[in-house]
Amino acid sequence: MKIKQTDSLRCDYKIYLEPILATGCQYQGNRLQITRSKYVRYAVIRALIEDDYPLNKLSKKFDKFYAHKINDLHRGMTHKN
């Protein structure tokens, strides 16, 4: 099968976490009823936004993360409700 120019490719990255961090992410993901992968992804997005990295200027798919104040973004990931 040949790749055409119209085909889109997905770039997945393996991230190596220390076992204790992976265990913590798994635990928190289970508490929020999401996968560990999604928990890590949201945590990285939140951290980048808090560090003033312009995600919303790179892609429109991050606009929903800017819709609310940063403190209200995915409340429960690091804040108690």
PDB file of N, CA and C in Angstrom:
ATOM      1  N   MET A   1       0.847  -1.177   0.000  1.00  0.00           N
ATOM      2  CA  MET A   1       0.000   0.000   0.000  1.00  0.00           C
ATOM      3  C   MET A   1       0.887   1.233   0.000  1.00  0.00           C
ATOM      4  N   LYS A   2       0.645   2.119  -0.913  1.00  0.00           N
ATOM      5  CA  LYS A   2       1.428   3.346  -1.005  1.00  0.00           C
ATOM      6  C   LYS A   2       0.679   4.481  -0.324  1.00  0.00           C
ATOM      7  N   ILE A   3       1.437   5.368   0.272  1.00  0.00           N
ATOM      8  CA  ILE A   3       0.840   6.541   0.912  1.00  0.00           C
ATOM      9  C   ILE A   3       0.651   7.623  -0.133  1.00  0.00           C
ATOM     10  N   LYS A   4      -0.530   8.182  -0.169  1.00  0.00           N
ATOM     11  CA  LYS A   4      -0.823   9.277  -1.081  1.00  0.00           C
ATOM     12  C   LYS A   4      -0.628  10.597  -0.349  1.00  0.00           C
ATOM     13  N   GLN A   5      -0.491  11.651  -1.093  1.00  0.00           N
ATOM     14  CA  GLN A   5      -0.288  12.960  -0.481  1.00  0.00           C
ATOM     15  C   GLN A   5      -1.494  13.394   0.340  1.00  0.00           C
ATOM     16  N   THR A   6      -2.674  12.880   0.031  1.00  0.00           N
ATOM     17  CA  THR A   6      -3.879  13.255   0.755  1.00  0.00           C
ATOM     18  C   THR A   6      -4.048  12.467   2.053  1.00  0.00           C
ATOM     19  N   ASP A   7      -3.263  11.410   2.223  1.00  0.00           N
ATOM     20  CA  ASP A   7      -3.364  10.609   3.441  1.00  0.00           C
ATOM     21  C   ASP A   7      -2.794  11.389   4.625  1.00  0.00           C
ATOM     22  N   SER A   8      -3.458  11.262   5.750  1.00  0.00           N
ATOM     23  CA  SER A   8      -2.916  11.904   6.946  1.00  0.00           C
ATOM     24  C   SER A   8      -2.252  10.840   7.811  1.00  0.00           C
ATOM     25  N   LEU A   9      -1.180  11.197   8.404  1.00  0.00           N
ATOM     26  CA  LEU A   9      -0.442  10.273   9.257  1.00  0.00           C
ATOM     27  C   LEU A   9      -0.530  10.729  10.696  1.00  0.00           C
ATOM     28  N   ARG A  10      -0.631   9.801  11.577  1.00  0.00           N
ATOM     29  CA  ARG A  10      -0.683  10.122  13.001  1.00  0.00           C
ATOM     30  C   ARG A  10       0.674   9.829  13.600  1.00  0.00           C
ATOM     31  N   CYS A  11       1.177  10.779  14.332  1.00  0.00           N
ATOM     32  CA  CYS A  11       2.469  10.614  14.994  1.00  0.00           C
ATOM     33  C   CYS A  11       2.224  10.325  16.463  1.00  0.00           C
ATOM     34  N   ASP A  12       2.396   9.104  16.868  1.00  0.00           N
ATOM     35  CA  ASP A  12       2.294   8.759  18.280  1.00  0.00           C
ATOM     36  C   ASP A  12       3.694   8.714  18.861  1.00  0.00           C
ATOM     37  N   TYR A  13       3.795   9.138  20.073  1.00  0.00           N
ATOM     38  CA  TYR A  13       5.083   9.150  20.745  1.00  0.00           C
ATOM     39  C   TYR A  13       5.012   8.266  21.969  1.00  0.00           C
ATOM     40  N   LYS A  14       6.044   7.496  22.192  1.00  0.00           N
ATOM     41  CA  LYS A  14       6.130   6.737  23.426  1.00  0.00           C
ATOM     42  C   LYS A  14       6.767   7.643  24.459  1.00  0.00           C
ATOM     43  N   ILE A  15       6.167   7.679  25.602  1.00  0.00           N
ATOM     44  CA  ILE A  15       6.700   8.490  26.687  1.00  0.00           C
ATOM     45  C   ILE A  15       7.082   7.540  27.803  1.00  0.00           C
ATOM     46  N   TYR A  16       8.282   7.655  28.241  1.00  0.00           N
ATOM     47  CA  TYR A  16       8.760   6.793  29.309  1.00  0.00           C
ATOM     48  C   TYR A  16       8.668   7.543  30.626  1.00  0.00           C
ATOM     49  N   LEU A  17       7.844   7.029  31.520  1.00  0.00           N
ATOM     50  CA  LEU A  17       7.661   7.622  32.832  1.00  0.00           C
ATOM     51  C   LEU A  17       8.329   6.743  33.875  1.00  0.00           C
ATOM     52  N   GLU A  18       8.721   7.381  34.944  1.00  0.00           N
ATOM     53  CA  GLU A  18       9.177   6.589  36.079  1.00  0.00           C
ATOM     54  C   GLU A  18       7.987   5.776  36.560  1.00  0.00           C
ATOM     55  N   PRO A  19       8.217   4.577  37.064  1.00  0.00           N
ATOM     56  CA  PRO A  19       7.101   3.728  37.501  1.00  0.00           C
ATOM     57  C   PRO A  19       6.170   4.409  38.500  1.00  0.00           C
ATOM     58  N   ILE A  20       6.712   5.197  39.399  1.00  0.00           N
ATOM     59  CA  ILE A  20       5.849   5.846  40.400  1.00  0.00           C
ATOM     60  C   ILE A  20       4.951   6.897  39.747  1.00  0.00           C
ATOM     61  N   LEU A  21       5.460   7.590  38.710  1.00  0.00           N
ATOM     62  CA  LEU A  21       4.631   8.563  37.996  1.00  0.00           C
ATOM     63  C   LEU A  21       3.550   7.867  37.183  1.00  0.00           C
ATOM     64  N   ALA A  22       3.900   6.778  36.533  1.00  0.00           N
ATOM     65  CA  ALA A  22       2.915   6.019  35.760  1.00  0.00           C
ATOM     66  C   ALA A  22       1.829   5.464  36.677  1.00  0.00           C
ATOM     67  N   THR A  23       2.230   4.990  37.854  1.00  0.00           N
ATOM     68  CA  THR A  23       1.255   4.470  38.818  1.00  0.00           C
ATOM     69  C   THR A  23       0.326   5.575  39.291  1.00  0.00           C
ATOM     70  N   GLY A  24       0.879   6.745  39.562  1.00  0.00           N
ATOM     71  CA  GLY A  24       0.063   7.887  39.992  1.00  0.00           C
ATOM     72  C   GLY A  24      -0.907   8.327  38.913  1.00  0.00           C
ATOM     73  N   CYS A  25      -0.448   8.373  37.670  1.00  0.00           N
ATOM     74  CA  CYS A  25      -1.319   8.756  36.554  1.00  0.00           C
ATOM     75  C   CYS A  25      -2.424   7.726  36.345  1.00  0.00           C
ATOM     76  N   GLN A  26      -2.081   6.450  36.498  1.00  0.00           N
ATOM     77  CA  GLN A  26      -3.088   5.392  36.367  1.00  0.00           C
ATOM     78  C   GLN A  26      -4.148   5.521  37.457  1.00  0.00           C
ATOM     79  N   TYR A  27      -3.714   5.770  38.678  1.00  0.00           N
ATOM     80  CA  TYR A  27      -4.632   5.917  39.808  1.00  0.00           C
ATOM     81  C   TYR A  27      -5.571   7.109  39.594  1.00  0.00           C
ATOM     82  N   GLN A  28      -4.995   8.269  39.228  1.00  0.00           N
ATOM     83  CA  GLN A  28      -5.817   9.467  39.027  1.00  0.00           C
ATOM     84  C   GLN A  28      -6.747   9.293  37.834  1.00  0.00           C
ATOM     85  N   GLY A  29      -6.267   8.659  36.773  1.00  0.00           N
ATOM     86  CA  GLY A  29      -7.120   8.389  35.623  1.00  0.00           C
ATOM     87  C   GLY A  29      -8.301   7.511  35.990  1.00  0.00           C
ATOM     88  N   ASN A  30      -8.045   6.489  36.788  1.00  0.00           N
ATOM     89  CA  ASN A  30      -9.136   5.619  37.243  1.00  0.00           C
ATOM     90  C   ASN A  30     -10.142   6.391  38.085  1.00  0.00           C
ATOM     91  N   ARG A  31      -9.664   7.285  38.934  1.00  0.00           N
ATOM     92  CA  ARG A  31     -10.567   8.096  39.765  1.00  0.00           C
ATOM     93  C   ARG A  31     -11.466   8.965  38.901  1.00  0.00           C
ATOM     94  N   LEU A  32     -10.912   9.490  37.811  1.00  0.00           N
ATOM     95  CA  LEU A  32     -11.674  10.365  36.919  1.00  0.00           C
ATOM     96  C   LEU A  32     -12.386   9.598  35.808  1.00  0.00           C
ATOM     97  N   GLN A  33     -12.220   8.281  35.809  1.00  0.00           N
ATOM     98  CA  GLN A  33     -12.822   7.386  34.819  1.00  0.00           C
ATOM     99  C   GLN A  33     -12.356   7.724  33.396  1.00  0.00           C
ATOM    100  N   ILE A  34     -11.055   7.983  33.266  1.00  0.00           N
ATOM    101  CA  ILE A  34     -10.430   8.177  31.964  1.00  0.00           C
ATOM    102  C   ILE A  34      -9.185   7.299  31.912  1.00  0.00           C
ATOM    103  N   THR A  35      -8.637   7.127  30.732  1.00  0.00           N
ATOM    104  CA  THR A  35      -7.440   6.301  30.605  1.00  0.00           C
ATOM    105  C   THR A  35      -6.213   7.052  31.118  1.00  0.00           C
ATOM    106  N   ARG A  36      -5.183   6.298  31.430  1.00  0.00           N
ATOM    107  CA  ARG A  36      -3.927   6.913  31.864  1.00  0.00           C
ATOM    108  C   ARG A  36      -3.374   7.809  30.766  1.00  0.00           C
ATOM    109  N   SER A  37      -3.482   7.362  29.526  1.00  0.00           N
ATOM    110  CA  SER A  37      -2.994   8.144  28.395  1.00  0.00           C
ATOM    111  C   SER A  37      -3.692   9.498  28.303  1.00  0.00           C
ATOM    112  N   LYS A  38      -5.000   9.495  28.453  1.00  0.00           N
ATOM    113  CA  LYS A  38      -5.761  10.747  28.395  1.00  0.00           C
ATOM    114  C   LYS A  38      -5.409  11.638  29.580  1.00  0.00           C
ATOM    115  N   TYR A  39      -5.223  11.062  30.739  1.00  0.00           N
ATOM    116  CA  TYR A  39      -4.835  11.845  31.915  1.00  0.00           C
ATOM    117  C   TYR A  39      -3.492  12.538  31.679  1.00  0.00           C
ATOM    118  N   VAL A  40      -2.522  11.795  31.158  1.00  0.00           N
ATOM    119  CA  VAL A  40      -1.197  12.369  30.881  1.00  0.00           C
ATOM    120  C   VAL A  40      -1.313  13.460  29.831  1.00  0.00           C
ATOM    121  N   ARG A  41      -2.091  13.208  28.766  1.00  0.00           N
ATOM    122  CA  ARG A  41      -2.256  14.188  27.695  1.00  0.00           C
ATOM    123  C   ARG A  41      -2.856  15.486  28.226  1.00  0.00           C
ATOM    124  N   TYR A  42      -3.930  15.392  29.038  1.00  0.00           N
ATOM    125  CA  TYR A  42      -4.552  16.593  29.593  1.00  0.00           C
ATOM    126  C   TYR A  42      -3.613  17.307  30.558  1.00  0.00           C
ATOM    127  N   ALA A  43      -2.861  16.554  31.335  1.00  0.00           N
ATOM    128  CA  ALA A  43      -1.924  17.167  32.278  1.00  0.00           C
ATOM    129  C   ALA A  43      -0.839  17.944  31.541  1.00  0.00           C
ATOM    130  N   VAL A  44      -0.354  17.402  30.432  1.00  0.00           N
ATOM    131  CA  VAL A  44       0.670  18.096  29.641  1.00  0.00           C
ATOM    132  C   VAL A  44       0.086  19.349  28.999  1.00  0.00           C
ATOM    133  N   ILE A  45      -1.126  19.252  28.471  1.00  0.00           N
ATOM    134  CA  ILE A  45      -1.775  20.423  27.871  1.00  0.00           C
ATOM    135  C   ILE A  45      -1.947  21.513  28.916  1.00  0.00           C
ATOM    136  N   ARG A  46      -2.437  21.149  30.091  1.00  0.00           N
ATOM    137  CA  ARG A  46      -2.620  22.141  31.170  1.00  0.00           C
ATOM    138  C   ARG A  46      -1.305  22.791  31.542  1.00  0.00           C
ATOM    139  N   ALA A  47      -0.250  21.998  31.675  1.00  0.00           N
ATOM    140  CA  ALA A  47       1.056  22.532  32.059  1.00  0.00           C
ATOM    141  C   ALA A  47       1.587  23.490  30.995  1.00  0.00           C
ATOM    142  N   LEU A  48       1.432  23.142  29.717  1.00  0.00           N
ATOM    143  CA  LEU A  48       1.897  24.015  28.645  1.00  0.00           C
ATOM    144  C   LEU A  48       1.133  25.332  28.627  1.00  0.00           C
ATOM    145  N   ILE A  49      -0.176  25.271  28.846  1.00  0.00           N
ATOM    146  CA  ILE A  49      -0.979  26.495  28.882  1.00  0.00           C
ATOM    147  C   ILE A  49      -0.578  27.357  30.072  1.00  0.00           C
ATOM    148  N   GLU A  50      -0.395  26.744  31.231  1.00  0.00           N
ATOM    149  CA  GLU A  50       0.019  27.497  32.421  1.00  0.00           C
ATOM    150  C   GLU A  50       1.393  28.124  32.244  1.00  0.00           C
ATOM    151  N   ASP A  51       2.243  27.493  31.432  1.00  0.00           N
ATOM    152  CA  ASP A  51       3.581  28.036  31.162  1.00  0.00           C
ATOM    153  C   ASP A  51       3.575  29.023  29.998  1.00  0.00           C
ATOM    154  N   ASP A  52       2.381  29.413  29.548  1.00  0.00           N
ATOM    155  CA  ASP A  52       2.198  30.396  28.472  1.00  0.00           C
ATOM    156  C   ASP A  52       2.701  29.936  27.114  1.00  0.00           C
ATOM    157  N   TYR A  53       2.701  28.639  26.863  1.00  0.00           N
ATOM    158  CA  TYR A  53       3.038  28.143  25.539  1.00  0.00           C
ATOM    159  C   TYR A  53       1.816  28.348  24.638  1.00  0.00           C
ATOM    160  N   PRO A  54       1.972  28.917  23.454  1.00  0.00           N
ATOM    161  CA  PRO A  54       0.815  29.297  22.609  1.00  0.00           C
ATOM    162  C   PRO A  54       0.196  28.136  21.836  1.00  0.00           C
ATOM    163  N   LEU A  55      -0.339  27.168  22.535  1.00  0.00           N
ATOM    164  CA  LEU A  55      -0.965  26.028  21.851  1.00  0.00           C
ATOM    165  C   LEU A  55      -2.099  26.456  20.942  1.00  0.00           C
ATOM    166  N   ASN A  56      -2.877  27.434  21.380  1.00  0.00           N
ATOM    167  CA  ASN A  56      -4.032  27.853  20.589  1.00  0.00           C
ATOM    168  C   ASN A  56      -3.620  28.537  19.287  1.00  0.00           C
ATOM    169  N   LYS A  57      -2.386  28.992  19.182  1.00  0.00           N
ATOM    170  CA  LYS A  57      -1.908  29.599  17.938  1.00  0.00           C
ATOM    171  C   LYS A  57      -1.342  28.542  16.992  1.00  0.00           C
ATOM    172  N   LEU A  58      -1.028  27.371  17.515  1.00  0.00           N
ATOM    173  CA  LEU A  58      -0.489  26.298  16.692  1.00  0.00           C
ATOM    174  C   LEU A  58      -1.578  25.444  16.062  1.00  0.00           C
ATOM    175  N   SER A  59      -2.677  25.275  16.807  1.00  0.00           N
ATOM    176  CA  SER A  59      -3.765  24.435  16.306  1.00  0.00           C
ATOM    177  C   SER A  59      -5.077  24.846  16.964  1.00  0.00           C
ATOM    178  N   LYS A  60      -6.137  24.816  16.174  1.00  0.00           N
ATOM    179  CA  LYS A  60      -7.453  25.184  16.705  1.00  0.00           C
ATOM    180  C   LYS A  60      -8.028  24.113  17.629  1.00  0.00           C
ATOM    181  N   LYS A  61      -7.463  22.906  17.602  1.00  0.00           N
ATOM    182  CA  LYS A  61      -8.025  21.846  18.432  1.00  0.00           C
ATOM    183  C   LYS A  61      -7.802  22.099  19.918  1.00  0.00           C
ATOM    184  N   PHE A  62      -6.941  23.053  20.258  1.00  0.00           N
ATOM    185  CA  PHE A  62      -6.712  23.380  21.663  1.00  0.00           C
ATOM    186  C   PHE A  62      -7.567  24.548  22.138  1.00  0.00           C
ATOM    187  N   ASP A  63      -8.369  25.127  21.248  1.00  0.00           N
ATOM    188  CA  ASP A  63      -9.202  26.267  21.619  1.00  0.00           C
ATOM    189  C   ASP A  63     -10.133  25.952  22.780  1.00  0.00           C
ATOM    190  N   LYS A  64     -10.640  24.715  22.828  1.00  0.00           N
ATOM    191  CA  LYS A  64     -11.573  24.366  23.907  1.00  0.00           C
ATOM    192  C   LYS A  64     -10.898  24.440  25.275  1.00  0.00           C
ATOM    193  N   PHE A  65      -9.586  24.291  25.317  1.00  0.00           N
ATOM    194  CA  PHE A  65      -8.872  24.377  26.585  1.00  0.00           C
ATOM    195  C   PHE A  65      -8.711  25.827  27.036  1.00  0.00           C
ATOM    196  N   TYR A  66      -8.840  26.766  26.103  1.00  0.00           N
ATOM    197  CA  TYR A  66      -8.739  28.181  26.429  1.00  0.00           C
ATOM    198  C   TYR A  66     -10.103  28.812  26.671  1.00  0.00           C
ATOM    199  N   ALA A  67     -11.172  28.033  26.494  1.00  0.00           N
ATOM    200  CA  ALA A  67     -12.524  28.569  26.605  1.00  0.00           C
ATOM    201  C   ALA A  67     -12.838  29.042  28.027  1.00  0.00           C
ATOM    202  N   HIS A  68     -12.218  28.442  29.002  1.00  0.00           N
ATOM    203  CA  HIS A  68     -12.451  28.802  30.394  1.00  0.00           C
ATOM    204  C   HIS A  68     -11.154  29.329  30.993  1.00  0.00           C
ATOM    205  N   LYS A  69     -11.292  29.944  32.139  1.00  0.00           N
ATOM    206  CA  LYS A  69     -10.078  30.365  32.838  1.00  0.00           C
ATOM    207  C   LYS A  69      -9.233  29.143  33.141  1.00  0.00           C
ATOM    208  N   ILE A  70      -7.931  29.319  33.210  1.00  0.00           N
ATOM    209  CA  ILE A  70      -7.026  28.196  33.422  1.00  0.00           C
ATOM    210  C   ILE A  70      -7.334  27.468  34.736  1.00  0.00           C
ATOM    211  N   ASN A  71      -7.798  28.178  35.744  1.00  0.00           N
ATOM    212  CA  ASN A  71      -8.087  27.528  37.019  1.00  0.00           C
ATOM    213  C   ASN A  71      -9.306  26.625  36.934  1.00  0.00           C
ATOM    214  N   ASP A  72     -10.188  26.892  35.978  1.00  0.00           N
ATOM    215  CA  ASP A  72     -11.386  26.069  35.817  1.00  0.00           C
ATOM    216  C   ASP A  72     -11.182  24.940  34.824  1.00  0.00           C
ATOM    217  N   LEU A  73     -10.046  24.948  34.133  1.00  0.00           N
ATOM    218  CA  LEU A  73      -9.780  23.963  33.096  1.00  0.00           C
ATOM    219  C   LEU A  73      -9.619  22.570  33.689  1.00  0.00           C
ATOM    220  N   HIS A  74     -10.488  21.679  33.293  1.00  0.00           N
ATOM    221  CA  HIS A  74     -10.443  20.298  33.753  1.00  0.00           C
ATOM    222  C   HIS A  74     -10.288  20.203  35.272  1.00  0.00           C
ATOM    223  N   ARG A  75     -11.130  20.949  35.958  1.00  0.00           N
ATOM    224  CA  ARG A  75     -11.099  20.926  37.418  1.00  0.00           C
ATOM    225  C   ARG A  75     -11.244  19.486  37.883  1.00  0.00           C
ATOM    226  N   GLY A  76     -10.485  19.124  38.837  1.00  0.00           N
ATOM    227  CA  GLY A  76     -10.492  17.770  39.339  1.00  0.00           C
ATOM    228  C   GLY A  76      -9.211  17.049  38.992  1.00  0.00           C
ATOM    229  N   MET A  77      -8.495  17.535  37.998  1.00  0.00           N
ATOM    230  CA  MET A  77      -7.231  16.883  37.670  1.00  0.00           C
ATOM    231  C   MET A  77      -6.177  17.230  38.704  1.00  0.00           C
ATOM    232  N   THR A  78      -6.177  18.488  39.159  1.00  0.00           N
ATOM    233  CA  THR A  78      -5.216  18.846  40.202  1.00  0.00           C
ATOM    234  C   THR A  78      -5.892  19.572  41.357  1.00  0.00           C
ATOM    235  N   HIS A  79      -7.163  19.892  41.220  1.00  0.00           N
ATOM    236  CA  HIS A  79      -7.890  20.611  42.253  1.00  0.00           C
ATOM    237  C   HIS A  79      -8.985  19.718  42.805  1.00  0.00           C
ATOM    238  N   LYS A  80      -9.287  19.885  44.053  1.00  0.00           N
ATOM    239  CA  LYS A  80     -10.434  19.176  44.616  1.00  0.00           C
ATOM    240  C   LYS A  80     -11.690  19.948  44.294  1.00  0.00           C
ATOM    241  N   ASN A  81     -12.756  19.246  43.959  1.00  0.00           N
ATOM    242  CA  ASN A  81     -14.028  19.905  43.637  1.00  0.00           C
ATOM    243  C   ASN A  81     -14.688  20.424  44.884  1.00  0.00           C
TER     244      ASN A  81
END
